[in-house]
Amino acid sequence: MEEAISLLPYDLDDDGRCPHPDAVERLRVRWKSAGIALEVCPDCAGDVNTIHVLASRIAAADPTDDFELEVPFELRGEGCDLAQESKVSADLVARYRRGEMTDADLLKEHAAERLKRIRASGKEVYIIGETCLGSDRSAFLARLRGGEAEIEAVSGFLAKHPMAVVTRSDQAANLLADLWSEHSDELLAQVASPETLERLAKEGRQLSPAQAVAEAKRAETSKGITAQLPAYGKLGPVAAHADRLARVQLTEGRAAVARQVERSRGGSHVLRSISYAFLVAAGEASSMSWQFSREEMDFGSYLAPFVQKLISSTGDDYHEALLLLMEASGSGERPSRA
């Protein structure tokens, strides 16, 4: 017996287990006449067939009859009744017994089959990595990490479509990628209107699932905010610059303002001062102050409260705030609404 076991390329302890006894998945081969069981995890499983290696030292018509195999799947957590879905299929058992598969092959193919059966089971069960949360969707969502749009898309989708969810990590982006091929339209519908999604589809941008959800959420938010702002006809250069930066901050956030200023600070003292004022209001001035003169920073700091009023307003208040900013800047421009 010991001679046969020594032929295996595994580092087994006195109980016949590989160095990872706590692995949630293991190939377990029972040698009935010897009264022992050998266990190896997927990380240790090699390009050998344990039953055939051991059977090679047995003189019998069919020495493989002295062996049984199973693949325990013991997730951490509670509320995960997956015994039926975790059984090794008769086909895999037969192929392995015939020596057509290695230990590594068996574990890999069984894992793929098990995953399909779990997802097709119709059970509401949530699994993250090696942890099962049972049917507790709230606990599952609380563990997910990702952007606001990603979490919103997943949360809304699962509320309408309870299902078996198996994801390799707590990253919402990974789960979106897993669900995307079958459920992309429904996931996007959780964060944006049909009109917004139709417009984005026409743009034909190649985005990852997480990027697509984030862009849909941004576009929907932008549409809602823009609808609350006044429409203008032709604006003067200073008013147009201020209005553009204000809309960027309101729809895309502070970091987007810094990127916009980086691309276009303006060619005049007034335009550059207004750019700096927006950076001050956005809390982004310190990292970009070297790009402005002392006079532009001083004037921009003076204008910052007027900018703050502008980006805190909608409707008529926004228009009045833009008029005040133009007056404070000395631009001489008086914007008129369309």
C-alpha atoms as a PDB file:
ATOM      1  CA  MET A   1       0.000   0.000   0.000  1.00  0.00           C
ATOM      2  CA  GLU A   2       2.677   2.504   0.997  1.00  0.00           C
ATOM      3  CA  GLU A   3       4.672   1.632  -2.117  1.00  0.00           C
ATOM      4  CA  ALA A   4       1.647   2.364  -4.330  1.00  0.00           C
ATOM      5  CA  ILE A   5       0.916   5.658  -2.581  1.00  0.00           C
ATOM      6  CA  SER A   6       4.565   6.697  -2.962  1.00  0.00           C
ATOM      7  CA  LEU A   7       4.086   6.594  -6.739  1.00  0.00           C
ATOM      8  CA  LEU A   8       1.738   9.587  -6.518  1.00  0.00           C
ATOM      9  CA  PRO A   9       3.346  13.034  -7.012  1.00  0.00           C
ATOM     10  CA  TYR A  10       1.638  14.421  -3.921  1.00  0.00           C
ATOM     11  CA  ASP A  11       2.861  15.572  -0.523  1.00  0.00           C
ATOM     12  CA  LEU A  12       0.321  13.758   1.638  1.00  0.00           C
ATOM     13  CA  ASP A  13       0.196  13.775   5.437  1.00  0.00           C
ATOM     14  CA  ASP A  14      -0.373  10.733   7.650  1.00  0.00           C
ATOM     15  CA  ASP A  15      -4.123  11.015   7.021  1.00  0.00           C
ATOM     16  CA  GLY A  16      -3.634  10.976   3.256  1.00  0.00           C
ATOM     17  CA  ARG A  17      -4.427  14.652   2.725  1.00  0.00           C
ATOM     18  CA  CYS A  18      -2.584  17.278   0.696  1.00  0.00           C
ATOM     19  CA  PRO A  19      -1.197  20.384   2.463  1.00  0.00           C
ATOM     20  CA  HIS A  20      -4.548  22.198   1.994  1.00  0.00           C
ATOM     21  CA  PRO A  21      -7.042  20.233   4.112  1.00  0.00           C
ATOM     22  CA  ASP A  22      -9.303  23.294   4.458  1.00  0.00           C
ATOM     23  CA  ALA A  23      -9.871  23.644   0.705  1.00  0.00           C
ATOM     24  CA  VAL A  24     -13.594  23.849  -0.045  1.00  0.00           C
ATOM     25  CA  GLU A  25     -13.209  21.361  -2.897  1.00  0.00           C
ATOM     26  CA  ARG A  26     -11.183  18.132  -2.928  1.00  0.00           C
ATOM     27  CA  LEU A  27     -10.846  14.957  -4.930  1.00  0.00           C
ATOM     28  CA  ARG A  28     -11.317  12.109  -2.469  1.00  0.00           C
ATOM     29  CA  VAL A  29     -10.319   8.591  -3.541  1.00  0.00           C
ATOM     30  CA  ARG A  30     -11.278   5.761  -1.175  1.00  0.00           C
ATOM     31  CA  TRP A  31      -9.187   2.608  -1.307  1.00  0.00           C
ATOM     32  CA  LYS A  32     -11.703   0.182   0.143  1.00  0.00           C
ATOM     33  CA  SER A  33      -9.552  -2.841   0.911  1.00  0.00           C
ATOM     34  CA  ALA A  34      -6.832  -0.660   2.451  1.00  0.00           C
ATOM     35  CA  GLY A  35      -9.340   1.297   4.530  1.00  0.00           C
ATOM     36  CA  ILE A  36      -7.883   4.678   3.624  1.00  0.00           C
ATOM     37  CA  ALA A  37      -8.908   7.793   1.698  1.00  0.00           C
ATOM     38  CA  LEU A  38      -6.593  10.135  -0.170  1.00  0.00           C
ATOM     39  CA  GLU A  39      -7.518  13.784  -0.745  1.00  0.00           C
ATOM     40  CA  VAL A  40      -6.027  16.449  -3.030  1.00  0.00           C
ATOM     41  CA  CYS A  41      -7.294  19.969  -3.708  1.00  0.00           C
ATOM     42  CA  PRO A  42      -7.438  21.648  -7.152  1.00  0.00           C
ATOM     43  CA  ASP A  43      -4.185  23.507  -6.465  1.00  0.00           C
ATOM     44  CA  CYS A  44      -2.335  20.259  -5.816  1.00  0.00           C
ATOM     45  CA  ALA A  45      -4.087  17.985  -8.321  1.00  0.00           C
ATOM     46  CA  GLY A  46      -1.685  16.921 -11.044  1.00  0.00           C
ATOM     47  CA  ASP A  47      -1.573  15.193 -14.402  1.00  0.00           C
ATOM     48  CA  VAL A  48      -2.023  11.728 -12.951  1.00  0.00           C
ATOM     49  CA  ASN A  49      -5.022   9.497 -12.353  1.00  0.00           C
ATOM     50  CA  THR A  50      -4.839   8.477  -8.705  1.00  0.00           C
ATOM     51  CA  ILE A  51      -7.063   5.411  -9.087  1.00  0.00           C
ATOM     52  CA  HIS A  52      -5.002   4.031 -11.972  1.00  0.00           C
ATOM     53  CA  VAL A  53      -1.693   4.741 -10.224  1.00  0.00           C
ATOM     54  CA  LEU A  54      -2.830   2.829  -7.136  1.00  0.00           C
ATOM     55  CA  ALA A  55      -4.561   0.079  -9.144  1.00  0.00           C
ATOM     56  CA  SER A  56      -1.338  -0.602 -11.041  1.00  0.00           C
ATOM     57  CA  ARG A  57      -0.086  -2.428  -7.953  1.00  0.00           C
ATOM     58  CA  ILE A  58      -3.162  -4.652  -7.594  1.00  0.00           C
ATOM     59  CA  ALA A  59      -3.413  -8.036  -9.291  1.00  0.00           C
ATOM     60  CA  ALA A  60      -7.093  -8.379 -10.192  1.00  0.00           C
ATOM     61  CA  ALA A  61      -9.329  -8.590 -13.248  1.00  0.00           C
ATOM     62  CA  ASP A  62     -10.497  -4.999 -12.647  1.00  0.00           C
ATOM     63  CA  PRO A  63      -8.444  -3.477  -9.842  1.00  0.00           C
ATOM     64  CA  THR A  64     -10.267  -0.143 -10.155  1.00  0.00           C
ATOM     65  CA  ASP A  65     -13.304  -1.793  -8.504  1.00  0.00           C
ATOM     66  CA  ASP A  66     -11.450  -1.452  -5.197  1.00  0.00           C
ATOM     67  CA  PHE A  67     -11.757   2.341  -5.359  1.00  0.00           C
ATOM     68  CA  GLU A  68     -14.496   4.922  -4.954  1.00  0.00           C
ATOM     69  CA  LEU A  69     -14.288   8.621  -5.690  1.00  0.00           C
ATOM     70  CA  GLU A  70     -16.153  11.755  -4.706  1.00  0.00           C
ATOM     71  CA  VAL A  71     -15.543  15.487  -4.800  1.00  0.00           C
ATOM     72  CA  PRO A  72     -16.682  17.148  -1.553  1.00  0.00           C
ATOM     73  CA  PHE A  73     -17.728  20.778  -2.022  1.00  0.00           C
ATOM     74  CA  GLU A  74     -17.932  22.426   1.385  1.00  0.00           C
ATOM     75  CA  LEU A  75     -18.423  26.183   1.139  1.00  0.00           C
ATOM     76  CA  ARG A  76     -18.018  28.395   4.170  1.00  0.00           C
ATOM     77  CA  GLY A  77     -21.233  29.820   5.554  1.00  0.00           C
ATOM     78  CA  GLU A  78     -24.693  28.403   6.016  1.00  0.00           C
ATOM     79  CA  GLY A  79     -27.898  27.924   4.068  1.00  0.00           C
ATOM     80  CA  CYS A  80     -26.299  26.337   1.016  1.00  0.00           C
ATOM     81  CA  ASP A  81     -28.016  23.056   0.152  1.00  0.00           C
ATOM     82  CA  LEU A  82     -26.172  22.164  -3.040  1.00  0.00           C
ATOM     83  CA  ALA A  83     -25.732  18.429  -2.511  1.00  0.00           C
ATOM     84  CA  GLN A  84     -27.571  17.498  -5.693  1.00  0.00           C
ATOM     85  CA  GLU A  85     -25.796  20.103  -7.828  1.00  0.00           C
ATOM     86  CA  SER A  86     -22.402  19.070  -6.431  1.00  0.00           C
ATOM     87  CA  LYS A  87     -22.551  15.372  -7.297  1.00  0.00           C
ATOM     88  CA  VAL A  88     -19.985  14.167  -9.792  1.00  0.00           C
ATOM     89  CA  SER A  89     -21.799  13.117 -12.962  1.00  0.00           C
ATOM     90  CA  ALA A  90     -21.844   9.459 -13.979  1.00  0.00           C
ATOM     91  CA  ASP A  91     -20.107  10.384 -17.224  1.00  0.00           C
ATOM     92  CA  LEU A  92     -17.153  12.013 -15.460  1.00  0.00           C
ATOM     93  CA  VAL A  93     -16.868   9.109 -13.024  1.00  0.00           C
ATOM     94  CA  ALA A  94     -16.832   6.612 -15.890  1.00  0.00           C
ATOM     95  CA  ARG A  95     -14.254   8.552 -17.882  1.00  0.00           C
ATOM     96  CA  TYR A  96     -12.031   8.931 -14.839  1.00  0.00           C
ATOM     97  CA  ARG A  97     -12.298   5.229 -13.995  1.00  0.00           C
ATOM     98  CA  ARG A  98     -11.317   4.340 -17.552  1.00  0.00           C
ATOM     99  CA  GLY A  99      -8.194   6.454 -17.154  1.00  0.00           C
ATOM    100  CA  GLU A 100      -9.287   9.036 -19.714  1.00  0.00           C
ATOM    101  CA  MET A 101      -8.891  11.923 -17.260  1.00  0.00           C
ATOM    102  CA  THR A 102      -6.251  13.102 -14.832  1.00  0.00           C
ATOM    103  CA  ASP A 103      -7.020  14.289 -11.323  1.00  0.00           C
ATOM    104  CA  ALA A 104      -6.679  17.895 -12.508  1.00  0.00           C
ATOM    105  CA  ASP A 105      -8.962  17.262 -15.503  1.00  0.00           C
ATOM    106  CA  LEU A 106     -11.640  15.718 -13.323  1.00  0.00           C
ATOM    107  CA  LEU A 107     -11.704  18.597 -10.856  1.00  0.00           C
ATOM    108  CA  LYS A 108     -11.725  21.203 -13.615  1.00  0.00           C
ATOM    109  CA  GLU A 109     -14.544  19.640 -15.623  1.00  0.00           C
ATOM    110  CA  HIS A 110     -16.579  18.844 -12.531  1.00  0.00           C
ATOM    111  CA  ALA A 111     -16.272  22.450 -11.329  1.00  0.00           C
ATOM    112  CA  ALA A 112     -17.594  23.679 -14.676  1.00  0.00           C
ATOM    113  CA  GLU A 113     -20.507  21.220 -14.603  1.00  0.00           C
ATOM    114  CA  ARG A 114     -21.305  22.062 -10.984  1.00  0.00           C
ATOM    115  CA  LEU A 115     -21.366  25.785 -11.743  1.00  0.00           C
ATOM    116  CA  LYS A 116     -23.809  25.248 -14.613  1.00  0.00           C
ATOM    117  CA  ARG A 117     -26.072  23.100 -12.443  1.00  0.00           C
ATOM    118  CA  ILE A 118     -26.077  25.629  -9.607  1.00  0.00           C
ATOM    119  CA  ARG A 119     -26.937  28.502 -11.951  1.00  0.00           C
ATOM    120  CA  ALA A 120     -29.656  26.435 -13.630  1.00  0.00           C
ATOM    121  CA  SER A 121     -31.093  25.147 -10.350  1.00  0.00           C
ATOM    122  CA  GLY A 122     -33.692  27.893  -9.959  1.00  0.00           C
ATOM    123  CA  LYS A 123     -32.614  28.330  -6.345  1.00  0.00           C
ATOM    124  CA  GLU A 124     -32.028  31.776  -4.901  1.00  0.00           C
ATOM    125  CA  VAL A 125     -28.548  31.349  -3.497  1.00  0.00           C
ATOM    126  CA  TYR A 126     -25.589  33.711  -3.343  1.00  0.00           C
ATOM    127  CA  ILE A 127     -21.969  32.572  -3.403  1.00  0.00           C
ATOM    128  CA  ILE A 128     -18.924  34.838  -3.291  1.00  0.00           C
ATOM    129  CA  GLY A 129     -15.671  32.973  -3.787  1.00  0.00           C
ATOM    130  CA  GLU A 130     -15.670  30.244  -1.138  1.00  0.00           C
ATOM    131  CA  THR A 131     -18.462  31.735   0.996  1.00  0.00           C
ATOM    132  CA  CYS A 132     -22.144  30.885   0.695  1.00  0.00           C
ATOM    133  CA  LEU A 133     -24.688  33.390   1.989  1.00  0.00           C
ATOM    134  CA  GLY A 134     -27.710  31.214   1.354  1.00  0.00           C
ATOM    135  CA  SER A 135     -30.678  33.202   0.055  1.00  0.00           C
ATOM    136  CA  ASP A 136     -29.734  36.365   1.986  1.00  0.00           C
ATOM    137  CA  ARG A 137     -29.633  38.883  -0.861  1.00  0.00           C
ATOM    138  CA  SER A 138     -29.112  41.827   1.491  1.00  0.00           C
ATOM    139  CA  ALA A 139     -26.012  40.220   2.985  1.00  0.00           C
ATOM    140  CA  PHE A 140     -24.726  39.475  -0.505  1.00  0.00           C
ATOM    141  CA  LEU A 141     -25.219  43.048  -1.723  1.00  0.00           C
ATOM    142  CA  ALA A 142     -23.617  44.416   1.447  1.00  0.00           C
ATOM    143  CA  ARG A 143     -20.439  42.500   0.609  1.00  0.00           C
ATOM    144  CA  LEU A 144     -20.232  43.663  -2.995  1.00  0.00           C
ATOM    145  CA  ARG A 145     -17.676  46.346  -3.757  1.00  0.00           C
ATOM    146  CA  GLY A 146     -17.873  48.697  -6.704  1.00  0.00           C
ATOM    147  CA  GLY A 147     -19.139  51.990  -8.021  1.00  0.00           C
ATOM    148  CA  GLU A 148     -22.580  53.350  -7.243  1.00  0.00           C
ATOM    149  CA  ALA A 149     -23.885  52.532 -10.723  1.00  0.00           C
ATOM    150  CA  GLU A 150     -22.566  48.944 -10.594  1.00  0.00           C
ATOM    151  CA  ILE A 151     -24.216  48.252  -7.233  1.00  0.00           C
ATOM    152  CA  GLU A 152     -27.466  49.904  -8.349  1.00  0.00           C
ATOM    153  CA  ALA A 153     -27.602  47.804 -11.513  1.00  0.00           C
ATOM    154  CA  VAL A 154     -26.942  44.516  -9.701  1.00  0.00           C
ATOM    155  CA  SER A 155     -29.276  45.326  -6.800  1.00  0.00           C
ATOM    156  CA  GLY A 156     -32.178  46.330  -9.018  1.00  0.00           C
ATOM    157  CA  PHE A 157     -31.713  43.354 -11.305  1.00  0.00           C
ATOM    158  CA  LEU A 158     -31.593  40.765  -8.507  1.00  0.00           C
ATOM    159  CA  ALA A 159     -34.652  42.279  -6.813  1.00  0.00           C
ATOM    160  CA  LYS A 160     -36.624  41.490  -9.963  1.00  0.00           C
ATOM    161  CA  HIS A 161     -34.838  38.255 -10.856  1.00  0.00           C
ATOM    162  CA  PRO A 162     -33.884  36.184  -7.781  1.00  0.00           C
ATOM    163  CA  MET A 163     -31.440  33.529  -8.927  1.00  0.00           C
ATOM    164  CA  ALA A 164     -28.405  31.453  -8.100  1.00  0.00           C
ATOM    165  CA  VAL A 165     -25.449  33.833  -8.213  1.00  0.00           C
ATOM    166  CA  VAL A 166     -21.916  32.473  -8.159  1.00  0.00           C
ATOM    167  CA  THR A 167     -19.161  35.051  -8.460  1.00  0.00           C
ATOM    168  CA  ARG A 168     -15.435  34.593  -7.979  1.00  0.00           C
ATOM    169  CA  SER A 169     -14.903  37.750  -5.896  1.00  0.00           C
ATOM    170  CA  ASP A 170     -16.702  40.577  -4.126  1.00  0.00           C
ATOM    171  CA  GLN A 171     -16.139  42.933  -7.070  1.00  0.00           C
ATOM    172  CA  ALA A 172     -19.428  44.033  -8.646  1.00  0.00           C
ATOM    173  CA  ALA A 173     -17.619  44.481 -11.968  1.00  0.00           C
ATOM    174  CA  ASN A 174     -16.874  40.740 -12.069  1.00  0.00           C
ATOM    175  CA  LEU A 175     -20.514  39.873 -11.414  1.00  0.00           C
ATOM    176  CA  LEU A 176     -21.664  42.275 -14.135  1.00  0.00           C
ATOM    177  CA  ALA A 177     -19.296  40.553 -16.549  1.00  0.00           C
ATOM    178  CA  ASP A 178     -20.716  37.139 -15.566  1.00  0.00           C
ATOM    179  CA  LEU A 179     -24.315  38.277 -16.115  1.00  0.00           C
ATOM    180  CA  TRP A 180     -23.736  40.468 -19.160  1.00  0.00           C
ATOM    181  CA  SER A 181     -24.142  38.036 -22.044  1.00  0.00           C
ATOM    182  CA  GLU A 182     -27.681  37.083 -21.009  1.00  0.00           C
ATOM    183  CA  HIS A 183     -28.901  40.096 -19.052  1.00  0.00           C
ATOM    184  CA  SER A 184     -27.150  43.247 -20.328  1.00  0.00           C
ATOM    185  CA  ASP A 185     -30.376  45.009 -21.354  1.00  0.00           C
ATOM    186  CA  GLU A 186     -32.031  44.426 -17.987  1.00  0.00           C
ATOM    187  CA  LEU A 187     -28.928  45.477 -16.053  1.00  0.00           C
ATOM    188  CA  LEU A 188     -28.685  48.734 -18.000  1.00  0.00           C
ATOM    189  CA  ALA A 189     -32.405  49.347 -17.496  1.00  0.00           C
ATOM    190  CA  GLN A 190     -31.786  49.599 -13.742  1.00  0.00           C
ATOM    191  CA  VAL A 191     -29.755  52.802 -14.164  1.00  0.00           C
ATOM    192  CA  ALA A 192     -31.076  54.539 -17.285  1.00  0.00           C
ATOM    193  CA  SER A 193     -34.235  55.172 -19.285  1.00  0.00           C
ATOM    194  CA  PRO A 194     -34.905  53.549 -22.670  1.00  0.00           C
ATOM    195  CA  GLU A 195     -34.336  56.908 -24.373  1.00  0.00           C
ATOM    196  CA  THR A 196     -30.909  57.317 -22.808  1.00  0.00           C
ATOM    197  CA  LEU A 197     -29.924  53.740 -23.617  1.00  0.00           C
ATOM    198  CA  GLU A 198     -31.059  54.124 -27.221  1.00  0.00           C
ATOM    199  CA  ARG A 199     -28.908  57.228 -27.623  1.00  0.00           C
ATOM    200  CA  LEU A 200     -25.872  55.512 -26.121  1.00  0.00           C
ATOM    201  CA  ALA A 201     -26.384  52.456 -28.338  1.00  0.00           C
ATOM    202  CA  LYS A 202     -26.228  54.669 -31.418  1.00  0.00           C
ATOM    203  CA  GLU A 203     -22.813  55.934 -30.322  1.00  0.00           C
ATOM    204  CA  GLY A 204     -21.482  52.378 -30.690  1.00  0.00           C
ATOM    205  CA  ARG A 205     -18.740  52.739 -28.066  1.00  0.00           C
ATOM    206  CA  GLN A 206     -16.876  49.572 -27.052  1.00  0.00           C
ATOM    207  CA  LEU A 207     -17.125  49.456 -23.267  1.00  0.00           C
ATOM    208  CA  SER A 208     -16.735  46.780 -20.618  1.00  0.00           C
ATOM    209  CA  PRO A 209     -19.938  45.888 -18.727  1.00  0.00           C
ATOM    210  CA  ALA A 210     -18.892  48.010 -15.734  1.00  0.00           C
ATOM    211  CA  GLN A 211     -18.006  50.935 -18.001  1.00  0.00           C
ATOM    212  CA  ALA A 212     -21.283  50.618 -19.898  1.00  0.00           C
ATOM    213  CA  VAL A 213     -23.308  50.706 -16.678  1.00  0.00           C
ATOM    214  CA  ALA A 214     -21.341  53.685 -15.343  1.00  0.00           C
ATOM    215  CA  GLU A 215     -21.760  55.585 -18.621  1.00  0.00           C
ATOM    216  CA  ALA A 216     -25.495  54.852 -18.724  1.00  0.00           C
ATOM    217  CA  LYS A 217     -25.883  56.101 -15.157  1.00  0.00           C
ATOM    218  CA  ARG A 218     -23.830  59.217 -15.913  1.00  0.00           C
ATOM    219  CA  ALA A 219     -25.874  59.982 -19.034  1.00  0.00           C
ATOM    220  CA  GLU A 220     -29.169  59.514 -17.194  1.00  0.00           C
ATOM    221  CA  THR A 221     -28.044  61.726 -14.320  1.00  0.00           C
ATOM    222  CA  SER A 222     -26.794  64.319 -16.775  1.00  0.00           C
ATOM    223  CA  LYS A 223     -30.125  64.326 -18.585  1.00  0.00           C
ATOM    224  CA  GLY A 224     -32.021  64.908 -15.358  1.00  0.00           C
ATOM    225  CA  ILE A 225     -29.759  67.743 -14.246  1.00  0.00           C
ATOM    226  CA  THR A 226     -29.615  69.397 -17.656  1.00  0.00           C
ATOM    227  CA  ALA A 227     -33.417  69.450 -17.770  1.00  0.00           C
ATOM    228  CA  GLN A 228     -33.361  71.689 -14.677  1.00  0.00           C
ATOM    229  CA  LEU A 229     -30.947  74.223 -16.189  1.00  0.00           C
ATOM    230  CA  PRO A 230     -31.958  77.132 -18.421  1.00  0.00           C
ATOM    231  CA  ALA A 231     -31.400  76.951 -22.157  1.00  0.00           C
ATOM    232  CA  TYR A 232     -29.344  79.677 -23.779  1.00  0.00           C
ATOM    233  CA  GLY A 233     -28.988  80.921 -27.306  1.00  0.00           C
ATOM    234  CA  LYS A 234     -25.630  82.314 -28.296  1.00  0.00           C
ATOM    235  CA  LEU A 235     -23.471  83.129 -25.260  1.00  0.00           C
ATOM    236  CA  GLY A 236     -20.440  85.369 -25.141  1.00  0.00           C
ATOM    237  CA  PRO A 237     -17.042  83.668 -24.657  1.00  0.00           C
ATOM    238  CA  VAL A 238     -16.868  84.246 -20.891  1.00  0.00           C
ATOM    239  CA  ALA A 239     -20.461  83.191 -20.187  1.00  0.00           C
ATOM    240  CA  ALA A 240     -20.083  80.168 -22.469  1.00  0.00           C
ATOM    241  CA  HIS A 241     -16.900  79.123 -20.642  1.00  0.00           C
ATOM    242  CA  ALA A 242     -18.543  79.470 -17.225  1.00  0.00           C
ATOM    243  CA  ASP A 243     -21.737  77.708 -18.315  1.00  0.00           C
ATOM    244  CA  ARG A 244     -19.743  74.837 -19.817  1.00  0.00           C
ATOM    245  CA  LEU A 245     -17.694  74.308 -16.655  1.00  0.00           C
ATOM    246  CA  ALA A 246     -20.795  74.548 -14.459  1.00  0.00           C
ATOM    247  CA  ARG A 247     -22.625  71.900 -16.463  1.00  0.00           C
ATOM    248  CA  VAL A 248     -19.578  69.623 -16.384  1.00  0.00           C
ATOM    249  CA  GLN A 249     -19.409  69.835 -12.597  1.00  0.00           C
ATOM    250  CA  LEU A 250     -23.128  69.371 -12.136  1.00  0.00           C
ATOM    251  CA  THR A 251     -23.336  66.342 -14.417  1.00  0.00           C
ATOM    252  CA  GLU A 252     -19.935  64.675 -14.057  1.00  0.00           C
ATOM    253  CA  GLY A 253     -18.429  65.869 -10.782  1.00  0.00           C
ATOM    254  CA  ARG A 254     -15.419  67.759  -9.495  1.00  0.00           C
ATOM    255  CA  ALA A 255     -12.732  65.616 -11.076  1.00  0.00           C
ATOM    256  CA  ALA A 256     -14.323  66.192 -14.485  1.00  0.00           C
ATOM    257  CA  VAL A 257     -14.037  69.957 -13.959  1.00  0.00           C
ATOM    258  CA  ALA A 258     -10.312  69.595 -13.371  1.00  0.00           C
ATOM    259  CA  ARG A 259      -9.984  67.569 -16.572  1.00  0.00           C
ATOM    260  CA  GLN A 260     -11.961  70.165 -18.522  1.00  0.00           C
ATOM    261  CA  VAL A 261      -9.803  73.007 -17.194  1.00  0.00           C
ATOM    262  CA  GLU A 262      -6.701  70.992 -18.055  1.00  0.00           C
ATOM    263  CA  ARG A 263      -7.926  70.807 -21.641  1.00  0.00           C
ATOM    264  CA  SER A 264      -9.081  74.414 -21.888  1.00  0.00           C
ATOM    265  CA  ARG A 265      -8.070  76.989 -19.288  1.00  0.00           C
ATOM    266  CA  GLY A 266      -8.878  79.890 -21.602  1.00  0.00           C
ATOM    267  CA  GLY A 267      -6.709  82.355 -23.465  1.00  0.00           C
ATOM    268  CA  SER A 268      -7.517  85.559 -21.585  1.00  0.00           C
ATOM    269  CA  HIS A 269      -7.029  86.781 -18.029  1.00  0.00           C
ATOM    270  CA  VAL A 270     -10.773  86.646 -17.321  1.00  0.00           C
ATOM    271  CA  LEU A 271     -11.275  83.153 -18.769  1.00  0.00           C
ATOM    272  CA  ARG A 272      -8.303  81.743 -16.888  1.00  0.00           C
ATOM    273  CA  SER A 273      -9.443  83.416 -13.664  1.00  0.00           C
ATOM    274  CA  ILE A 274     -12.885  81.856 -14.043  1.00  0.00           C
ATOM    275  CA  SER A 275     -11.232  78.482 -14.666  1.00  0.00           C
ATOM    276  CA  TYR A 276      -9.317  78.869 -11.424  1.00  0.00           C
ATOM    277  CA  ALA A 277     -12.509  79.923  -9.625  1.00  0.00           C
ATOM    278  CA  PHE A 278     -14.147  76.649 -10.664  1.00  0.00           C
ATOM    279  CA  LEU A 279     -11.124  74.709  -9.420  1.00  0.00           C
ATOM    280  CA  VAL A 280     -11.384  76.475  -6.053  1.00  0.00           C
ATOM    281  CA  ALA A 281     -15.114  75.725  -5.827  1.00  0.00           C
ATOM    282  CA  ALA A 282     -14.451  72.097  -6.751  1.00  0.00           C
ATOM    283  CA  GLY A 283     -11.623  71.700  -4.239  1.00  0.00           C
ATOM    284  CA  GLU A 284      -9.166  70.928  -7.042  1.00  0.00           C
ATOM    285  CA  ALA A 285      -7.110  74.143  -7.079  1.00  0.00           C
ATOM    286  CA  SER A 286      -4.080  73.084  -5.041  1.00  0.00           C
ATOM    287  CA  SER A 287      -2.825  70.507  -7.536  1.00  0.00           C
ATOM    288  CA  MET A 288      -3.186  72.848 -10.521  1.00  0.00           C
ATOM    289  CA  SER A 289      -2.301  76.269  -9.107  1.00  0.00           C
ATOM    290  CA  TRP A 290       1.126  76.215 -10.766  1.00  0.00           C
ATOM    291  CA  GLN A 291      -0.616  76.607 -14.123  1.00  0.00           C
ATOM    292  CA  PHE A 292      -1.963  80.050 -13.205  1.00  0.00           C
ATOM    293  CA  SER A 293      -0.391  83.440 -12.517  1.00  0.00           C
ATOM    294  CA  ARG A 294      -0.688  85.120  -9.121  1.00  0.00           C
ATOM    295  CA  GLU A 295      -3.148  87.653 -10.568  1.00  0.00           C
ATOM    296  CA  GLU A 296      -5.325  84.894 -12.045  1.00  0.00           C
ATOM    297  CA  MET A 297      -5.379  82.999  -8.758  1.00  0.00           C
ATOM    298  CA  ASP A 298      -6.243  86.132  -6.753  1.00  0.00           C
ATOM    299  CA  PHE A 299      -9.047  87.100  -9.116  1.00  0.00           C
ATOM    300  CA  GLY A 300     -10.226  83.483  -9.344  1.00  0.00           C
ATOM    301  CA  SER A 301     -10.385  83.224  -5.553  1.00  0.00           C
ATOM    302  CA  TYR A 302     -12.533  86.369  -5.517  1.00  0.00           C
ATOM    303  CA  LEU A 303     -14.860  84.854  -8.137  1.00  0.00           C
ATOM    304  CA  ALA A 304     -15.091  81.448  -6.422  1.00  0.00           C
ATOM    305  CA  PRO A 305     -18.154  82.340  -4.250  1.00  0.00           C
ATOM    306  CA  PHE A 306     -20.009  83.449  -7.379  1.00  0.00           C
ATOM    307  CA  VAL A 307     -19.115  80.136  -9.032  1.00  0.00           C
ATOM    308  CA  GLN A 308     -20.256  78.264  -5.926  1.00  0.00           C
ATOM    309  CA  LYS A 309     -23.612  80.006  -6.161  1.00  0.00           C
ATOM    310  CA  LEU A 310     -23.871  79.048  -9.835  1.00  0.00           C
ATOM    311  CA  ILE A 311     -23.186  75.340  -9.326  1.00  0.00           C
ATOM    312  CA  SER A 312     -25.625  75.249  -6.407  1.00  0.00           C
ATOM    313  CA  SER A 313     -28.531  76.562  -8.477  1.00  0.00           C
ATOM    314  CA  THR A 314     -31.070  75.431 -11.052  1.00  0.00           C
ATOM    315  CA  GLY A 315     -33.705  77.137 -13.177  1.00  0.00           C
ATOM    316  CA  ASP A 316     -34.137  80.892 -12.668  1.00  0.00           C
ATOM    317  CA  ASP A 317     -31.623  80.893  -9.812  1.00  0.00           C
ATOM    318  CA  TYR A 318     -28.961  79.476 -12.134  1.00  0.00           C
ATOM    319  CA  HIS A 319     -29.601  82.234 -14.664  1.00  0.00           C
ATOM    320  CA  GLU A 320     -29.378  84.938 -11.992  1.00  0.00           C
ATOM    321  CA  ALA A 321     -26.158  83.398 -10.652  1.00  0.00           C
ATOM    322  CA  LEU A 322     -24.620  83.413 -14.141  1.00  0.00           C
ATOM    323  CA  LEU A 323     -25.543  87.100 -14.538  1.00  0.00           C
ATOM    324  CA  LEU A 324     -23.881  87.890 -11.196  1.00  0.00           C
ATOM    325  CA  LEU A 325     -20.741  85.981 -12.176  1.00  0.00           C
ATOM    326  CA  MET A 326     -20.505  87.913 -15.439  1.00  0.00           C
ATOM    327  CA  GLU A 327     -20.905  91.187 -13.565  1.00  0.00           C
ATOM    328  CA  ALA A 328     -18.278  90.244 -10.963  1.00  0.00           C
ATOM    329  CA  SER A 329     -15.848  89.168 -13.676  1.00  0.00           C
ATOM    330  CA  GLY A 330     -16.147  92.492 -15.467  1.00  0.00           C
ATOM    331  CA  SER A 331     -16.781  90.685 -18.752  1.00  0.00           C
ATOM    332  CA  GLY A 332     -19.525  93.072 -19.797  1.00  0.00           C
ATOM    333  CA  GLU A 333     -21.559  90.102 -21.028  1.00  0.00           C
ATOM    334  CA  ARG A 334     -25.245  89.742 -20.200  1.00  0.00           C
ATOM    335  CA  PRO A 335     -26.497  86.240 -21.099  1.00  0.00           C
ATOM    336  CA  SER A 336     -30.048  85.959 -22.392  1.00  0.00           C
ATOM    337  CA  ARG A 337     -32.163  82.818 -22.261  1.00  0.00           C
ATOM    338  CA  ALA A 338     -33.326  81.105 -25.411  1.00  0.00           C
END
